[in-house]
Every structure is written in C-alpha cells, then in structure tokens.
C-alpha atoms as a PDB file:
ATOM      1  CA  MET A   1      66.870  93.127 100.008  1.00  0.00           C
ATOM      2  CA  ASN A   2      67.873  89.753 101.734  1.00  0.00           C
ATOM      3  CA  TYR A   3      67.096  86.716  99.775  1.00  0.00           C
ATOM      4  CA  SER A   4      67.095  83.110 101.122  1.00  0.00           C
ATOM      5  CA  LYS A   5      69.875  80.686 100.302  1.00  0.00           C
ATOM      6  CA  ASN A   6      67.451  78.679  98.254  1.00  0.00           C
ATOM      7  CA  THR A   7      66.703  81.869  96.162  1.00  0.00           C
ATOM      8  CA  TRP A   8      70.545  82.379  95.610  1.00  0.00           C
ATOM      9  CA  ASP A   9      70.928  78.674  94.707  1.00  0.00           C
ATOM     10  CA  GLN A  10      68.351  79.170  91.970  1.00  0.00           C
ATOM     11  CA  LEU A  11      69.623  82.532  90.763  1.00  0.00           C
ATOM     12  CA  LYS A  12      73.301  81.503  90.451  1.00  0.00           C
ATOM     13  CA  ASN A  13      72.850  79.928  86.999  1.00  0.00           C
ATOM     14  CA  LYS A  14      70.523  82.458  85.532  1.00  0.00           C
ATOM     15  CA  THR A  15      71.818  83.822  82.232  1.00  0.00           C
ATOM     16  CA  ALA A  16      71.576  87.399  80.841  1.00  0.00           C
ATOM     17  CA  ASP A  17      68.706  86.148  78.629  1.00  0.00           C
ATOM     18  CA  ASP A  18      66.805  84.814  81.571  1.00  0.00           C
ATOM     19  CA  LEU A  19      66.928  88.183  83.326  1.00  0.00           C
ATOM     20  CA  ILE A  20      66.071  90.008  80.143  1.00  0.00           C
ATOM     21  CA  SER A  21      63.063  87.604  79.723  1.00  0.00           C
ATOM     22  CA  ALA A  22      61.803  88.299  83.207  1.00  0.00           C
ATOM     23  CA  LEU A  23      62.303  92.101  82.785  1.00  0.00           C
ATOM     24  CA  SER A  24      60.035  91.887  79.639  1.00  0.00           C
ATOM     25  CA  LYS A  25      57.371  89.937  81.533  1.00  0.00           C
ATOM     26  CA  ASP A  26      57.438  92.550  84.211  1.00  0.00           C
ATOM     27  CA  GLY A  27      56.693  95.343  81.794  1.00  0.00           C
ATOM     28  CA  PHE A  28      60.227  96.631  81.187  1.00  0.00           C
ATOM     29  CA  VAL A  29      61.017  97.889  77.608  1.00  0.00           C
ATOM     30  CA  LEU A  30      64.354  98.113  75.915  1.00  0.00           C
ATOM     31  CA  ASP A  31      65.016 101.879  75.779  1.00  0.00           C
ATOM     32  CA  VAL A  32      68.796 102.068  74.619  1.00  0.00           C
ATOM     33  CA  LYS A  33      71.129  99.566  73.161  1.00  0.00           C
ATOM     34  CA  LEU A  34      74.798 100.395  73.174  1.00  0.00           C
ATOM     35  CA  ARG A  35      77.521  98.006  72.316  1.00  0.00           C
ATOM     36  CA  THR A  36      77.413  95.810  75.479  1.00  0.00           C
ATOM     37  CA  GLU A  37      74.950  97.793  77.513  1.00  0.00           C
ATOM     38  CA  ARG A  38      71.096  97.576  77.252  1.00  0.00           C
ATOM     39  CA  ILE A  39      69.044 100.023  79.291  1.00  0.00           C
ATOM     40  CA  TYR A  40      65.504  98.871  80.101  1.00  0.00           C
ATOM     41  CA  ARG A  41      62.743 101.166  81.427  1.00  0.00           C
ATOM     42  CA  HIS A  42      59.499 100.498  83.220  1.00  0.00           C
ATOM     43  CA  ASN A  43      56.512 102.847  83.004  1.00  0.00           C
ATOM     44  CA  ASP A  44      56.706 103.221  86.716  1.00  0.00           C
ATOM     45  CA  GLY A  45      60.014 105.050  86.259  1.00  0.00           C
ATOM     46  CA  ARG A  46      62.373 102.247  87.185  1.00  0.00           C
ATOM     47  CA  LYS A  47      65.434 101.925  84.977  1.00  0.00           C
ATOM     48  CA  ILE A  48      68.053  99.104  84.789  1.00  0.00           C
ATOM     49  CA  SER A  49      71.223  98.731  82.814  1.00  0.00           C
ATOM     50  CA  ILE A  50      72.113  95.320  81.801  1.00  0.00           C
ATOM     51  CA  HIS A  51      75.631  94.558  80.492  1.00  0.00           C
ATOM     52  CA  TYR A  52      75.159  92.052  77.863  1.00  0.00           C
ATOM     53  CA  HIS A  53      78.127  90.153  76.287  1.00  0.00           C
ATOM     54  CA  LYS A  54      76.565  86.924  75.275  1.00  0.00           C
ATOM     55  CA  SER A  55      73.297  85.136  75.898  1.00  0.00           C
ATOM     56  CA  SER A  56      74.873  82.470  78.130  1.00  0.00           C
ATOM     57  CA  GLN A  57      76.566  84.930  80.344  1.00  0.00           C
ATOM     58  CA  CYS A  58      75.786  84.266  84.095  1.00  0.00           C
ATOM     59  CA  TYR A  59      76.269  87.096  86.581  1.00  0.00           C
ATOM     60  CA  GLY A  60      78.184  86.785  89.942  1.00  0.00           C
ATOM     61  CA  LYS A  61      76.365  87.047  93.191  1.00  0.00           C
ATOM     62  CA  GLY A  62      77.450  90.543  93.806  1.00  0.00           C
ATOM     63  CA  LEU A  63      76.339  91.886  90.451  1.00  0.00           C
ATOM     64  CA  MET A  64      73.125  89.934  90.468  1.00  0.00           C
ATOM     65  CA  LYS A  65      72.413  91.319  93.954  1.00  0.00           C
ATOM     66  CA  GLY A  66      72.877  94.854  92.749  1.00  0.00           C
ATOM     67  CA  LEU A  67      70.649  94.263  89.655  1.00  0.00           C
ATOM     68  CA  LEU A  68      67.857  92.831  91.772  1.00  0.00           C
ATOM     69  CA  GLN A  69      68.149  95.718  94.252  1.00  0.00           C
ATOM     70  CA  ASP A  70      67.923  98.188  91.432  1.00  0.00           C
ATOM     71  CA  ILE A  71      64.916  96.434  89.864  1.00  0.00           C
ATOM     72  CA  GLY A  72      63.289  95.989  93.202  1.00  0.00           C
ATOM     73  CA  TRP A  73      61.871  92.479  92.811  1.00  0.00           C
ATOM     74  CA  SER A  74      60.994  90.524  95.893  1.00  0.00           C
ATOM     75  CA  GLU A  75      61.098  86.601  95.959  1.00  0.00           C
ATOM     76  CA  ASP A  76      57.352  86.581  95.201  1.00  0.00           C
ATOM     77  CA  ASP A  77      58.106  88.768  92.120  1.00  0.00           C
ATOM     78  CA  MET A  78      60.696  86.453  90.959  1.00  0.00           C
ATOM     79  CA  ARG A  79      58.336  83.408  91.487  1.00  0.00           C
ATOM     80  CA  ARG A  80      55.712  85.178  89.399  1.00  0.00           C
ATOM     81  CA  LEU A  81      58.229  85.863  86.687  1.00  0.00           C
ATOM     82  CA  LYS A  82      59.567  82.209  86.788  1.00  0.00           C
ATOM     83  CA  LEU A  83      63.097  83.149  87.700  1.00  0.00           C
ATOM     84  CA  ILE A  84      62.835  80.857  90.839  1.00  0.00           C
ATOM     85  CA  LYS A  85      60.459  78.152  91.933  1.00  0.00           C
END
C-alpha cells in the first residue's frame, strides 16, 4: 500500500502501545505473548506479530510499512482507528 507523506508524518511518532490500541479497536485479540513478541489474531484470519520491548518504542518507517501491509489497513481505516487525522 502506498500512503501519503502526510500519513507517514503522523505515523512516525506512533508507539507500540498506539499500534496495539488500534489493533484492539479493530477487533484483534492477543493470542500469544512470548518474551518480546506479541501475536494478535483477527476473527477474519489476519495475524500480526508485534515486537514489544517497551511501551514508548517507535517503529522505523520500514518496519511500520511492513506491519501495516500485513495488517491491511487503508488510510481510512487508520483515521477510523485514530492513528492518523
């Protein structure tokens, strides 16, 4: 997915907790928690692995892009989930 520059500007400061909160709002449920990895599943079959070291951790653009691609959120989805304005 290609996101606008404005979207990336808003996503660059999102923390692991912000992303996990949005996953929960979208219906993902924590399935497995291993040391620094948390696996969330959605009832439609989607699965995402979040590496969680500390709540204030921000992800780099490359990793965030991969996570969002795996999750399958559009910009409209991210607005609905309050990740972006």
